[in-house]
């Protein structure tokens, strides 16, 4: 049987009996992540950003056992700093505004990162595992604390999926060895994707910033309409902000925006070059439709009109010359 190292091991190491129950009840104590970047786009490739794991509004924190993972499609782990004990890491620890975690002296149990998901004894899917406890401190920590600060690198431009950081397992314990109730909040960093559409060999770029997975964008020329699909964790809040060049699609009246064929909740802003359509929805799988009133003309569609106009002009010239000759 594979050994499951949990907060119990930490407690035994300091002579306490810690519960191994993972508590996920509603609580004022929150475990979450604070990212340095609020979004990632094509221009961010090659850059790095920091992300902090924090615990907020905790009372008598004496030990923690935290396992997490993240999507690796466009980012990779660079390094991390575990901000333990609190006295060695005064506030702030950017991007966290909080001091470090745990009163000294402290006992490290696990401090390891492996994006290959190959950490011995960890929960399936775990890429990072941090387990520490106070060792003989007179009291636990009360307030908010920074657990660890990561550095990640953006390795490739976003294609369709947002970046998701997920808590695989969390245990918090107080000085008496009792589990501390908490709420753990996963993090999704929206990504900006660029989609190229072509009309008569002229390329136009439609940009989408979203916390959803975006796929299958299509331009339905000669209709002034685009459609695409969005997916995300069922029941969570989703959004997308779509940038449409006015040289491609525009409206002389109003925009039609639909989610699965039904009127959507949306807002419109614009500047001289683009229209920005901001849409919100509850995640599952949806088809988004955005339709204006006009679209850039295709040469194939306007050619007959141009020929008719040329013929009319030519006929007018011929008739005028006939009148002159008479």
C-alpha atoms as a PDB file:
ATOM      1  CA  UNK A   1       0.000   0.000   0.000  1.00  0.00           C
ATOM      2  CA  UNK A   2       1.367   3.374  -0.967  1.00  0.00           C
ATOM      3  CA  UNK A   3       2.194   5.566   2.018  1.00  0.00           C
ATOM      4  CA  UNK A   4       0.034   8.691   2.280  1.00  0.00           C
ATOM      5  CA  UNK A   5       2.057  11.405   3.967  1.00  0.00           C
ATOM      6  CA  UNK A   6      -0.360  14.021   5.352  1.00  0.00           C
ATOM      7  CA  UNK A   7      -0.569  16.528   8.152  1.00  0.00           C
ATOM      8  CA  UNK A   8      -0.695  13.540  10.527  1.00  0.00           C
ATOM      9  CA  UNK A   9       3.022  12.975   9.897  1.00  0.00           C
ATOM     10  CA  UNK A  10       3.743  16.597  10.683  1.00  0.00           C
ATOM     11  CA  UNK A  11       1.797  16.339  13.917  1.00  0.00           C
ATOM     12  CA  UNK A  12       3.513  13.140  14.987  1.00  0.00           C
ATOM     13  CA  UNK A  13       6.852  14.778  14.334  1.00  0.00           C
ATOM     14  CA  UNK A  14       6.079  17.427  16.951  1.00  0.00           C
ATOM     15  CA  UNK A  15       4.369  15.046  19.362  1.00  0.00           C
ATOM     16  CA  UNK A  16       0.807  16.015  18.503  1.00  0.00           C
ATOM     17  CA  UNK A  17      -2.068  14.030  17.090  1.00  0.00           C
ATOM     18  CA  UNK A  18      -3.213  15.810  13.927  1.00  0.00           C
ATOM     19  CA  UNK A  19      -6.345  14.796  12.087  1.00  0.00           C
ATOM     20  CA  UNK A  20      -5.854  13.570   8.527  1.00  0.00           C
ATOM     21  CA  UNK A  21      -9.336  14.734   7.571  1.00  0.00           C
ATOM     22  CA  UNK A  22      -9.331  17.160   4.662  1.00  0.00           C
ATOM     23  CA  UNK A  23     -11.811  19.866   5.603  1.00  0.00           C
ATOM     24  CA  UNK A  24     -13.523  21.704   2.780  1.00  0.00           C
ATOM     25  CA  UNK A  25     -16.505  23.148   4.597  1.00  0.00           C
ATOM     26  CA  UNK A  26     -17.493  26.765   4.113  1.00  0.00           C
ATOM     27  CA  UNK A  27     -15.246  28.900   6.299  1.00  0.00           C
ATOM     28  CA  UNK A  28     -13.863  32.384   6.631  1.00  0.00           C
ATOM     29  CA  UNK A  29     -10.405  30.863   6.099  1.00  0.00           C
ATOM     30  CA  UNK A  30      -9.526  30.866   2.409  1.00  0.00           C
ATOM     31  CA  UNK A  31      -6.650  29.157   0.591  1.00  0.00           C
ATOM     32  CA  UNK A  32      -6.102  30.701  -2.827  1.00  0.00           C
ATOM     33  CA  UNK A  33      -3.543  31.911  -5.375  1.00  0.00           C
ATOM     34  CA  UNK A  34      -2.549  35.467  -6.288  1.00  0.00           C
ATOM     35  CA  UNK A  35      -1.065  35.852  -9.804  1.00  0.00           C
ATOM     36  CA  UNK A  36       1.227  38.643 -10.931  1.00  0.00           C
ATOM     37  CA  UNK A  37      -0.494  38.665 -14.332  1.00  0.00           C
ATOM     38  CA  UNK A  38      -4.260  38.947 -14.733  1.00  0.00           C
ATOM     39  CA  UNK A  39      -4.111  37.619 -18.309  1.00  0.00           C
ATOM     40  CA  UNK A  40      -1.676  35.998 -20.735  1.00  0.00           C
ATOM     41  CA  UNK A  41      -1.450  36.846 -24.427  1.00  0.00           C
ATOM     42  CA  UNK A  42       0.776  36.257 -27.460  1.00  0.00           C
ATOM     43  CA  UNK A  43       3.010  39.201 -26.496  1.00  0.00           C
ATOM     44  CA  UNK A  44       3.874  37.481 -23.186  1.00  0.00           C
ATOM     45  CA  UNK A  45       5.789  34.593 -24.781  1.00  0.00           C
ATOM     46  CA  UNK A  46       9.270  34.384 -23.250  1.00  0.00           C
ATOM     47  CA  UNK A  47       8.355  36.441 -20.187  1.00  0.00           C
ATOM     48  CA  UNK A  48       8.076  35.211 -16.596  1.00  0.00           C
ATOM     49  CA  UNK A  49       5.480  35.862 -13.929  1.00  0.00           C
ATOM     50  CA  UNK A  50       5.090  35.102 -10.245  1.00  0.00           C
ATOM     51  CA  UNK A  51       2.222  33.390  -8.459  1.00  0.00           C
ATOM     52  CA  UNK A  52       1.725  33.202  -4.684  1.00  0.00           C
ATOM     53  CA  UNK A  53      -0.192  30.592  -2.695  1.00  0.00           C
ATOM     54  CA  UNK A  54      -1.736  32.222   0.376  1.00  0.00           C
ATOM     55  CA  UNK A  55      -3.989  31.442   3.306  1.00  0.00           C
ATOM     56  CA  UNK A  56      -6.266  34.242   4.494  1.00  0.00           C
ATOM     57  CA  UNK A  57      -8.149  34.872   7.742  1.00  0.00           C
ATOM     58  CA  UNK A  58      -6.730  31.862   9.538  1.00  0.00           C
ATOM     59  CA  UNK A  59      -6.643  31.421  13.335  1.00  0.00           C
ATOM     60  CA  UNK A  60      -3.891  29.456  15.127  1.00  0.00           C
ATOM     61  CA  UNK A  61      -2.194  27.986  12.039  1.00  0.00           C
ATOM     62  CA  UNK A  62       0.373  25.444  13.237  1.00  0.00           C
ATOM     63  CA  UNK A  63       0.857  23.246  10.164  1.00  0.00           C
ATOM     64  CA  UNK A  64      -0.143  22.862   6.522  1.00  0.00           C
ATOM     65  CA  UNK A  65      -0.060  20.196   3.822  1.00  0.00           C
ATOM     66  CA  UNK A  66      -0.798  21.582   0.340  1.00  0.00           C
ATOM     67  CA  UNK A  67      -0.639  19.803  -3.026  1.00  0.00           C
ATOM     68  CA  UNK A  68      -1.442  21.495  -6.336  1.00  0.00           C
ATOM     69  CA  UNK A  69      -1.023  21.317 -10.095  1.00  0.00           C
ATOM     70  CA  UNK A  70      -1.421  23.484 -13.188  1.00  0.00           C
ATOM     71  CA  UNK A  71      -1.912  23.212 -16.934  1.00  0.00           C
ATOM     72  CA  UNK A  72       1.393  23.105 -18.797  1.00  0.00           C
ATOM     73  CA  UNK A  73       0.268  23.813 -22.355  1.00  0.00           C
ATOM     74  CA  UNK A  74       1.806  27.311 -22.492  1.00  0.00           C
ATOM     75  CA  UNK A  75       3.737  27.749 -19.206  1.00  0.00           C
ATOM     76  CA  UNK A  76       6.546  25.962 -17.411  1.00  0.00           C
ATOM     77  CA  UNK A  77       7.843  26.022 -13.842  1.00  0.00           C
ATOM     78  CA  UNK A  78      11.055  28.003 -13.233  1.00  0.00           C
ATOM     79  CA  UNK A  79      11.568  28.084  -9.457  1.00  0.00           C
ATOM     80  CA  UNK A  80       9.880  28.781  -6.120  1.00  0.00           C
ATOM     81  CA  UNK A  81      10.474  30.213  -2.667  1.00  0.00           C
ATOM     82  CA  UNK A  82       8.684  28.655   0.283  1.00  0.00           C
ATOM     83  CA  UNK A  83       8.072  31.566   2.663  1.00  0.00           C
ATOM     84  CA  UNK A  84       8.529  29.714   5.968  1.00  0.00           C
ATOM     85  CA  UNK A  85       8.914  30.778   8.745  1.00  0.00           C
ATOM     86  CA  UNK A  86       7.028  34.047   8.864  1.00  0.00           C
ATOM     87  CA  UNK A  87       9.836  35.896  10.664  1.00  0.00           C
ATOM     88  CA  UNK A  88      12.178  35.339   7.703  1.00  0.00           C
ATOM     89  CA  UNK A  89       9.682  36.696   5.172  1.00  0.00           C
ATOM     90  CA  UNK A  90       8.071  39.954   6.331  1.00  0.00           C
ATOM     91  CA  UNK A  91       5.270  41.407   4.225  1.00  0.00           C
ATOM     92  CA  UNK A  92       4.962  41.816   1.343  1.00  0.00           C
ATOM     93  CA  UNK A  93       6.048  38.779  -0.649  1.00  0.00           C
ATOM     94  CA  UNK A  94       4.958  39.908  -4.142  1.00  0.00           C
ATOM     95  CA  UNK A  95       2.531  39.256  -5.633  1.00  0.00           C
ATOM     96  CA  UNK A  96       1.230  38.446  -2.137  1.00  0.00           C
ATOM     97  CA  UNK A  97       0.764  41.367   0.272  1.00  0.00           C
ATOM     98  CA  UNK A  98       1.186  39.027   3.262  1.00  0.00           C
ATOM     99  CA  UNK A  99       4.071  37.899   5.456  1.00  0.00           C
ATOM    100  CA  UNK A 100       5.381  34.349   5.394  1.00  0.00           C
ATOM    101  CA  UNK A 101       3.795  31.371   7.150  1.00  0.00           C
ATOM    102  CA  UNK A 102       4.158  29.705  10.572  1.00  0.00           C
ATOM    103  CA  UNK A 103       5.823  30.789  13.769  1.00  0.00           C
ATOM    104  CA  UNK A 104       9.375  29.469  14.282  1.00  0.00           C
ATOM    105  CA  UNK A 105      10.949  27.078  14.813  1.00  0.00           C
ATOM    106  CA  UNK A 106       9.512  25.060  11.929  1.00  0.00           C
ATOM    107  CA  UNK A 107       9.830  21.539  10.593  1.00  0.00           C
ATOM    108  CA  UNK A 108       9.913  20.931   6.800  1.00  0.00           C
ATOM    109  CA  UNK A 109       8.213  17.701   5.731  1.00  0.00           C
ATOM    110  CA  UNK A 110       7.724  18.111   1.986  1.00  0.00           C
ATOM    111  CA  UNK A 111       8.969  20.800  -0.372  1.00  0.00           C
ATOM    112  CA  UNK A 112       9.129  19.504  -3.925  1.00  0.00           C
ATOM    113  CA  UNK A 113       8.023  20.408  -7.453  1.00  0.00           C
ATOM    114  CA  UNK A 114       7.848  17.976 -10.389  1.00  0.00           C
ATOM    115  CA  UNK A 115       5.787  18.895 -13.452  1.00  0.00           C
ATOM    116  CA  UNK A 116       6.014  15.271 -14.601  1.00  0.00           C
ATOM    117  CA  UNK A 117       3.544  14.315 -11.837  1.00  0.00           C
ATOM    118  CA  UNK A 118       6.043  11.840 -10.374  1.00  0.00           C
ATOM    119  CA  UNK A 119       6.275  12.888  -6.704  1.00  0.00           C
ATOM    120  CA  UNK A 120       6.420   9.779  -4.494  1.00  0.00           C
ATOM    121  CA  UNK A 121       3.414   9.334  -2.137  1.00  0.00           C
ATOM    122  CA  UNK A 122       1.636  12.419  -3.505  1.00  0.00           C
ATOM    123  CA  UNK A 123      -1.972  12.457  -4.617  1.00  0.00           C
ATOM    124  CA  UNK A 124      -2.466  11.658  -8.328  1.00  0.00           C
ATOM    125  CA  UNK A 125      -1.895  14.710 -10.487  1.00  0.00           C
ATOM    126  CA  UNK A 126       0.221  16.582  -7.939  1.00  0.00           C
ATOM    127  CA  UNK A 127       3.026  18.722  -9.375  1.00  0.00           C
ATOM    128  CA  UNK A 128       3.963  20.596  -6.190  1.00  0.00           C
ATOM    129  CA  UNK A 129       3.801  19.495  -2.543  1.00  0.00           C
ATOM    130  CA  UNK A 130       4.490  21.672   0.498  1.00  0.00           C
ATOM    131  CA  UNK A 131       4.104  20.389   4.060  1.00  0.00           C
ATOM    132  CA  UNK A 132       5.488  22.249   7.100  1.00  0.00           C
ATOM    133  CA  UNK A 133       4.694  22.550  10.820  1.00  0.00           C
ATOM    134  CA  UNK A 134       5.715  24.731  13.709  1.00  0.00           C
ATOM    135  CA  UNK A 135       8.029  22.811  16.019  1.00  0.00           C
ATOM    136  CA  UNK A 136       7.482  23.814  19.629  1.00  0.00           C
ATOM    137  CA  UNK A 137       6.284  27.371  18.900  1.00  0.00           C
ATOM    138  CA  UNK A 138       4.287  28.844  21.779  1.00  0.00           C
ATOM    139  CA  UNK A 139       1.305  29.643  19.559  1.00  0.00           C
ATOM    140  CA  UNK A 140      -0.019  29.304  16.045  1.00  0.00           C
ATOM    141  CA  UNK A 141      -0.188  32.054  13.458  1.00  0.00           C
ATOM    142  CA  UNK A 142      -3.304  34.206  13.173  1.00  0.00           C
ATOM    143  CA  UNK A 143      -4.095  36.439  10.200  1.00  0.00           C
ATOM    144  CA  UNK A 144      -3.074  35.947   6.568  1.00  0.00           C
ATOM    145  CA  UNK A 145       0.109  34.322   5.280  1.00  0.00           C
ATOM    146  CA  UNK A 146       2.084  33.555   2.147  1.00  0.00           C
ATOM    147  CA  UNK A 147       2.877  29.852   1.759  1.00  0.00           C
ATOM    148  CA  UNK A 148       4.993  29.832  -1.403  1.00  0.00           C
ATOM    149  CA  UNK A 149       5.853  32.100  -4.343  1.00  0.00           C
ATOM    150  CA  UNK A 150       6.346  30.451  -7.754  1.00  0.00           C
ATOM    151  CA  UNK A 151       7.991  31.769 -10.910  1.00  0.00           C
ATOM    152  CA  UNK A 152       6.641  30.517 -14.247  1.00  0.00           C
ATOM    153  CA  UNK A 153       7.688  31.185 -17.845  1.00  0.00           C
ATOM    154  CA  UNK A 154       5.318  31.634 -20.782  1.00  0.00           C
ATOM    155  CA  UNK A 155       6.685  29.218 -23.381  1.00  0.00           C
ATOM    156  CA  UNK A 156       4.252  29.548 -26.290  1.00  0.00           C
ATOM    157  CA  UNK A 157       1.347  31.717 -27.429  1.00  0.00           C
ATOM    158  CA  UNK A 158      -2.123  30.752 -26.200  1.00  0.00           C
ATOM    159  CA  UNK A 159      -4.084  28.610 -28.645  1.00  0.00           C
ATOM    160  CA  UNK A 160      -7.443  27.914 -27.024  1.00  0.00           C
ATOM    161  CA  UNK A 161      -7.257  26.971 -23.332  1.00  0.00           C
ATOM    162  CA  UNK A 162      -6.851  29.222 -20.266  1.00  0.00           C
ATOM    163  CA  UNK A 163      -4.232  28.518 -17.598  1.00  0.00           C
ATOM    164  CA  UNK A 164      -5.695  26.645 -14.624  1.00  0.00           C
ATOM    165  CA  UNK A 165      -4.096  26.175 -11.197  1.00  0.00           C
ATOM    166  CA  UNK A 166      -5.794  23.516  -9.061  1.00  0.00           C
ATOM    167  CA  UNK A 167      -5.530  22.502  -5.403  1.00  0.00           C
ATOM    168  CA  UNK A 168      -5.275  18.704  -5.373  1.00  0.00           C
ATOM    169  CA  UNK A 169      -5.254  18.428  -1.579  1.00  0.00           C
ATOM    170  CA  UNK A 170      -5.153  20.848   1.359  1.00  0.00           C
ATOM    171  CA  UNK A 171      -4.870  20.218   5.115  1.00  0.00           C
ATOM    172  CA  UNK A 172      -4.531  22.960   7.733  1.00  0.00           C
ATOM    173  CA  UNK A 173      -4.119  22.293  11.457  1.00  0.00           C
ATOM    174  CA  UNK A 174      -4.018  24.319  14.664  1.00  0.00           C
ATOM    175  CA  UNK A 175      -1.786  23.950  17.721  1.00  0.00           C
ATOM    176  CA  UNK A 176      -4.167  21.479  19.353  1.00  0.00           C
ATOM    177  CA  UNK A 177      -3.906  19.147  16.376  1.00  0.00           C
ATOM    178  CA  UNK A 178      -7.397  19.964  15.130  1.00  0.00           C
ATOM    179  CA  UNK A 179      -8.182  20.516  11.448  1.00  0.00           C
ATOM    180  CA  UNK A 180      -8.921  24.108  10.459  1.00  0.00           C
ATOM    181  CA  UNK A 181     -11.957  24.459   8.167  1.00  0.00           C
ATOM    182  CA  UNK A 182     -11.223  26.334   4.958  1.00  0.00           C
ATOM    183  CA  UNK A 183     -12.408  27.102   1.457  1.00  0.00           C
ATOM    184  CA  UNK A 184      -9.902  26.381  -1.336  1.00  0.00           C
ATOM    185  CA  UNK A 185     -10.237  28.451  -4.509  1.00  0.00           C
ATOM    186  CA  UNK A 186      -8.669  27.270  -7.755  1.00  0.00           C
ATOM    187  CA  UNK A 187      -7.385  29.903 -10.176  1.00  0.00           C
ATOM    188  CA  UNK A 188      -7.997  30.416 -13.885  1.00  0.00           C
ATOM    189  CA  UNK A 189      -5.847  32.973 -15.709  1.00  0.00           C
ATOM    190  CA  UNK A 190      -7.616  34.160 -18.880  1.00  0.00           C
ATOM    191  CA  UNK A 191      -5.660  33.975 -22.106  1.00  0.00           C
ATOM    192  CA  UNK A 192      -5.846  36.099 -25.219  1.00  0.00           C
ATOM    193  CA  UNK A 193      -6.033  34.214 -28.502  1.00  0.00           C
ATOM    194  CA  UNK A 194      -5.832  35.500 -32.062  1.00  0.00           C
ATOM    195  CA  UNK A 195      -7.884  34.044 -34.903  1.00  0.00           C
ATOM    196  CA  UNK A 196      -7.166  34.915 -38.521  1.00  0.00           C
ATOM    197  CA  UNK A 197      -9.968  34.981 -41.088  1.00  0.00           C
ATOM    198  CA  UNK A 198      -9.514  35.711 -44.779  1.00  0.00           C
ATOM    199  CA  UNK A 199     -11.769  37.529 -47.204  1.00  0.00           C
ATOM    200  CA  UNK A 200     -10.494  37.592 -50.819  1.00  0.00           C
ATOM    201  CA  UNK A 201      -6.872  37.121 -49.731  1.00  0.00           C
ATOM    202  CA  UNK A 202      -7.144  39.922 -47.178  1.00  0.00           C
ATOM    203  CA  UNK A 203      -6.472  38.728 -43.627  1.00  0.00           C
ATOM    204  CA  UNK A 204      -8.308  40.052 -40.591  1.00  0.00           C
ATOM    205  CA  UNK A 205      -7.508  39.208 -36.951  1.00  0.00           C
ATOM    206  CA  UNK A 206     -10.258  38.591 -34.414  1.00  0.00           C
ATOM    207  CA  UNK A 207      -8.965  38.581 -30.837  1.00  0.00           C
ATOM    208  CA  UNK A 208     -10.649  36.804 -27.919  1.00  0.00           C
ATOM    209  CA  UNK A 209      -9.742  37.194 -24.233  1.00  0.00           C
ATOM    210  CA  UNK A 210     -11.499  34.510 -22.184  1.00  0.00           C
ATOM    211  CA  UNK A 211     -11.390  32.247 -19.154  1.00  0.00           C
ATOM    212  CA  UNK A 212     -12.999  29.540 -21.308  1.00  0.00           C
ATOM    213  CA  UNK A 213     -11.528  27.135 -23.814  1.00  0.00           C
ATOM    214  CA  UNK A 214     -12.278  28.747 -27.186  1.00  0.00           C
ATOM    215  CA  UNK A 215     -12.455  26.671 -30.365  1.00  0.00           C
ATOM    216  CA  UNK A 216     -13.873  26.532 -33.883  1.00  0.00           C
ATOM    217  CA  UNK A 217     -14.107  30.220 -34.728  1.00  0.00           C
ATOM    218  CA  UNK A 218     -15.749  30.662 -38.104  1.00  0.00           C
ATOM    219  CA  UNK A 219     -16.586  33.656 -40.271  1.00  0.00           C
ATOM    220  CA  UNK A 220     -19.838  33.107 -42.152  1.00  0.00           C
ATOM    221  CA  UNK A 221     -19.240  35.453 -45.095  1.00  0.00           C
ATOM    222  CA  UNK A 222     -21.130  36.886 -46.890  1.00  0.00           C
ATOM    223  CA  UNK A 223     -23.190  37.044 -43.689  1.00  0.00           C
ATOM    224  CA  UNK A 224     -21.732  39.587 -41.211  1.00  0.00           C
ATOM    225  CA  UNK A 225     -21.484  36.892 -38.552  1.00  0.00           C
ATOM    226  CA  UNK A 226     -18.927  34.906 -36.557  1.00  0.00           C
ATOM    227  CA  UNK A 227     -19.472  31.847 -34.371  1.00  0.00           C
ATOM    228  CA  UNK A 228     -17.232  29.937 -31.960  1.00  0.00           C
ATOM    229  CA  UNK A 229     -17.501  27.416 -29.127  1.00  0.00           C
ATOM    230  CA  UNK A 230     -16.626  27.927 -25.452  1.00  0.00           C
ATOM    231  CA  UNK A 231     -16.273  25.318 -22.709  1.00  0.00           C
ATOM    232  CA  UNK A 232     -15.355  25.401 -19.024  1.00  0.00           C
ATOM    233  CA  UNK A 233     -16.044  23.785 -15.632  1.00  0.00           C
ATOM    234  CA  UNK A 234     -19.796  23.275 -15.341  1.00  0.00           C
ATOM    235  CA  UNK A 235     -21.527  25.939 -13.264  1.00  0.00           C
ATOM    236  CA  UNK A 236     -18.572  28.334 -13.050  1.00  0.00           C
ATOM    237  CA  UNK A 237     -18.759  31.862 -14.425  1.00  0.00           C
ATOM    238  CA  UNK A 238     -17.410  32.341 -17.934  1.00  0.00           C
ATOM    239  CA  UNK A 239     -16.668  35.386 -20.040  1.00  0.00           C
ATOM    240  CA  UNK A 240     -15.120  36.383 -23.327  1.00  0.00           C
ATOM    241  CA  UNK A 241     -14.153  39.774 -24.715  1.00  0.00           C
ATOM    242  CA  UNK A 242     -14.135  39.660 -28.515  1.00  0.00           C
ATOM    243  CA  UNK A 243     -12.282  42.275 -30.583  1.00  0.00           C
ATOM    244  CA  UNK A 244     -13.758  42.612 -34.083  1.00  0.00           C
ATOM    245  CA  UNK A 245     -12.111  44.914 -36.660  1.00  0.00           C
ATOM    246  CA  UNK A 246     -14.556  47.483 -38.029  1.00  0.00           C
ATOM    247  CA  UNK A 247     -12.953  46.953 -41.426  1.00  0.00           C
ATOM    248  CA  UNK A 248     -14.344  43.382 -41.314  1.00  0.00           C
ATOM    249  CA  UNK A 249     -17.787  43.539 -39.657  1.00  0.00           C
ATOM    250  CA  UNK A 250     -19.723  46.564 -38.487  1.00  0.00           C
ATOM    251  CA  UNK A 251     -23.283  47.609 -37.805  1.00  0.00           C
ATOM    252  CA  UNK A 252     -25.504  50.506 -38.799  1.00  0.00           C
ATOM    253  CA  UNK A 253     -28.083  49.479 -36.206  1.00  0.00           C
ATOM    254  CA  UNK A 254     -27.303  47.075 -33.349  1.00  0.00           C
ATOM    255  CA  UNK A 255     -25.363  43.885 -32.684  1.00  0.00           C
ATOM    256  CA  UNK A 256     -26.991  40.482 -32.267  1.00  0.00           C
ATOM    257  CA  UNK A 257     -25.241  38.297 -29.692  1.00  0.00           C
ATOM    258  CA  UNK A 258     -26.508  34.792 -28.909  1.00  0.00           C
ATOM    259  CA  UNK A 259     -25.487  31.932 -26.628  1.00  0.00           C
ATOM    260  CA  UNK A 260     -26.823  28.647 -27.998  1.00  0.00           C
ATOM    261  CA  UNK A 261     -29.262  30.587 -30.124  1.00  0.00           C
ATOM    262  CA  UNK A 262     -30.672  32.597 -27.206  1.00  0.00           C
ATOM    263  CA  UNK A 263     -30.098  36.315 -26.457  1.00  0.00           C
ATOM    264  CA  UNK A 264     -26.915  36.724 -24.438  1.00  0.00           C
ATOM    265  CA  UNK A 265     -25.840  39.062 -21.645  1.00  0.00           C
ATOM    266  CA  UNK A 266     -23.346  41.374 -23.328  1.00  0.00           C
ATOM    267  CA  UNK A 267     -22.001  44.908 -23.589  1.00  0.00           C
ATOM    268  CA  UNK A 268     -20.447  46.830 -26.461  1.00  0.00           C
ATOM    269  CA  UNK A 269     -17.565  49.299 -26.477  1.00  0.00           C
ATOM    270  CA  UNK A 270     -15.644  50.595 -29.457  1.00  0.00           C
ATOM    271  CA  UNK A 271     -12.888  52.798 -30.763  1.00  0.00           C
ATOM    272  CA  UNK A 272     -11.985  54.027 -34.215  1.00  0.00           C
ATOM    273  CA  UNK A 273     -10.718  50.635 -35.402  1.00  0.00           C
ATOM    274  CA  UNK A 274     -12.473  47.903 -33.392  1.00  0.00           C
ATOM    275  CA  UNK A 275     -15.693  46.851 -31.729  1.00  0.00           C
ATOM    276  CA  UNK A 276     -15.343  45.042 -28.387  1.00  0.00           C
ATOM    277  CA  UNK A 277     -18.087  42.591 -27.465  1.00  0.00           C
ATOM    278  CA  UNK A 278     -18.021  41.449 -23.812  1.00  0.00           C
ATOM    279  CA  UNK A 279     -20.164  38.382 -23.106  1.00  0.00           C
ATOM    280  CA  UNK A 280     -20.875  36.537 -19.835  1.00  0.00           C
ATOM    281  CA  UNK A 281     -22.384  33.084 -19.291  1.00  0.00           C
ATOM    282  CA  UNK A 282     -22.390  30.072 -16.991  1.00  0.00           C
ATOM    283  CA  UNK A 283     -19.910  27.455 -18.082  1.00  0.00           C
ATOM    284  CA  UNK A 284     -20.758  24.207 -19.771  1.00  0.00           C
ATOM    285  CA  UNK A 285     -20.408  23.964 -23.560  1.00  0.00           C
ATOM    286  CA  UNK A 286     -21.879  26.780 -25.638  1.00  0.00           C
ATOM    287  CA  UNK A 287     -21.917  28.182 -29.162  1.00  0.00           C
ATOM    288  CA  UNK A 288     -21.471  31.954 -29.315  1.00  0.00           C
ATOM    289  CA  UNK A 289     -22.870  33.938 -32.245  1.00  0.00           C
ATOM    290  CA  UNK A 290     -21.998  37.584 -32.928  1.00  0.00           C
ATOM    291  CA  UNK A 291     -23.679  39.292 -35.888  1.00  0.00           C
ATOM    292  CA  UNK A 292     -23.516  42.826 -37.246  1.00  0.00           C
ATOM    293  CA  UNK A 293     -25.346  44.327 -40.195  1.00  0.00           C
ATOM    294  CA  UNK A 294     -22.501  44.705 -42.728  1.00  0.00           C
ATOM    295  CA  UNK A 295     -19.357  42.868 -43.799  1.00  0.00           C
ATOM    296  CA  UNK A 296     -16.472  43.785 -46.067  1.00  0.00           C
ATOM    297  CA  UNK A 297     -17.456  42.935 -49.633  1.00  0.00           C
ATOM    298  CA  UNK A 298     -15.811  40.000 -51.360  1.00  0.00           C
ATOM    299  CA  UNK A 299     -14.388  40.848 -54.788  1.00  0.00           C
ATOM    300  CA  UNK A 300     -16.312  37.927 -56.273  1.00  0.00           C
ATOM    301  CA  UNK A 301     -19.566  39.404 -54.982  1.00  0.00           C
ATOM    302  CA  UNK A 302     -18.948  42.964 -56.172  1.00  0.00           C
ATOM    303  CA  UNK A 303     -17.533  42.022 -59.594  1.00  0.00           C
ATOM    304  CA  UNK A 304     -20.964  41.692 -61.277  1.00  0.00           C
ATOM    305  CA  UNK A 305     -21.965  45.074 -59.872  1.00  0.00           C
ATOM    306  CA  UNK A 306     -18.747  46.642 -61.136  1.00  0.00           C
ATOM    307  CA  UNK A 307     -19.298  45.157 -64.607  1.00  0.00           C
ATOM    308  CA  UNK A 308     -22.861  46.439 -64.734  1.00  0.00           C
ATOM    309  CA  UNK A 309     -21.720  49.882 -63.652  1.00  0.00           C
ATOM    310  CA  UNK A 310     -18.959  49.862 -66.279  1.00  0.00           C
ATOM    311  CA  UNK A 311     -21.434  48.765 -68.954  1.00  0.00           C
ATOM    312  CA  UNK A 312     -23.826  51.544 -67.980  1.00  0.00           C
ATOM    313  CA  UNK A 313     -21.061  54.160 -68.185  1.00  0.00           C
ATOM    314  CA  UNK A 314     -19.890  52.792 -71.523  1.00  0.00           C
ATOM    315  CA  UNK A 315     -23.433  52.859 -72.905  1.00  0.00           C
ATOM    316  CA  UNK A 316     -23.865  56.449 -71.776  1.00  0.00           C
ATOM    317  CA  UNK A 317     -20.627  57.449 -73.568  1.00  0.00           C
ATOM    318  CA  UNK A 318     -21.702  55.702 -76.782  1.00  0.00           C
ATOM    319  CA  UNK A 319     -25.119  57.356 -76.755  1.00  0.00           C
ATOM    320  CA  UNK A 320     -23.529  60.752 -76.163  1.00  0.00           C
ATOM    321  CA  UNK A 321     -21.163  60.276 -79.092  1.00  0.00           C
ATOM    322  CA  UNK A 322     -24.083  59.302 -81.345  1.00  0.00           C
ATOM    323  CA  UNK A 323     -25.913  62.527 -80.490  1.00  0.00           C
ATOM    324  CA  UNK A 324     -22.783  64.547 -81.254  1.00  0.00           C
ATOM    325  CA  UNK A 325     -22.330  62.909 -84.660  1.00  0.00           C
ATOM    326  CA  UNK A 326     -25.920  63.698 -85.611  1.00  0.00           C
END
